[in-house]
Amino acid sequence: MCPRFLRSVCRGRQRAAAAARVVGQGRVRDIVQDALARGYHGAFSIEPHMIVVYHETGAKPVDEAVMRKNYVEYGRRLEALLRGVAA
C-alpha cells in the first residue's frame, strides 16, 4: 500500500516497474528519481536510529559512537544517491 502523499509517485513507479533497475526492496533511488522528475523540491530526511529499534522488546543498548558512525554513513549514501539522480 502506498502512503497518500506518495500515490502519484507510486503509480508512476508501478507503470515503470518492468523497466526499472531495482536495488533493494525500498526502491529509494526509483522513488526519489520519480519525485524529482515530477517537480518535487521539498526536503528529504533519514531515519536516525538504523542500528537499534528502541520500541522492540529486548532491544539491547548500542554504543553511541557506533550509532553516530552508522547515521553519518547513511547520510553520505543519501547524498551520493541524490547527486547521482540529479546528474
Foldseek 3Di string as FASTA:
>chain_A
DDPPVCVVLVVVCVVCVVVDDDDDDVSVLSSVLSCVVVPDDDDDDDDQAPPWDVPDPPTDDDDPVVSVVVNVVVVVVVVVSVVVSVD
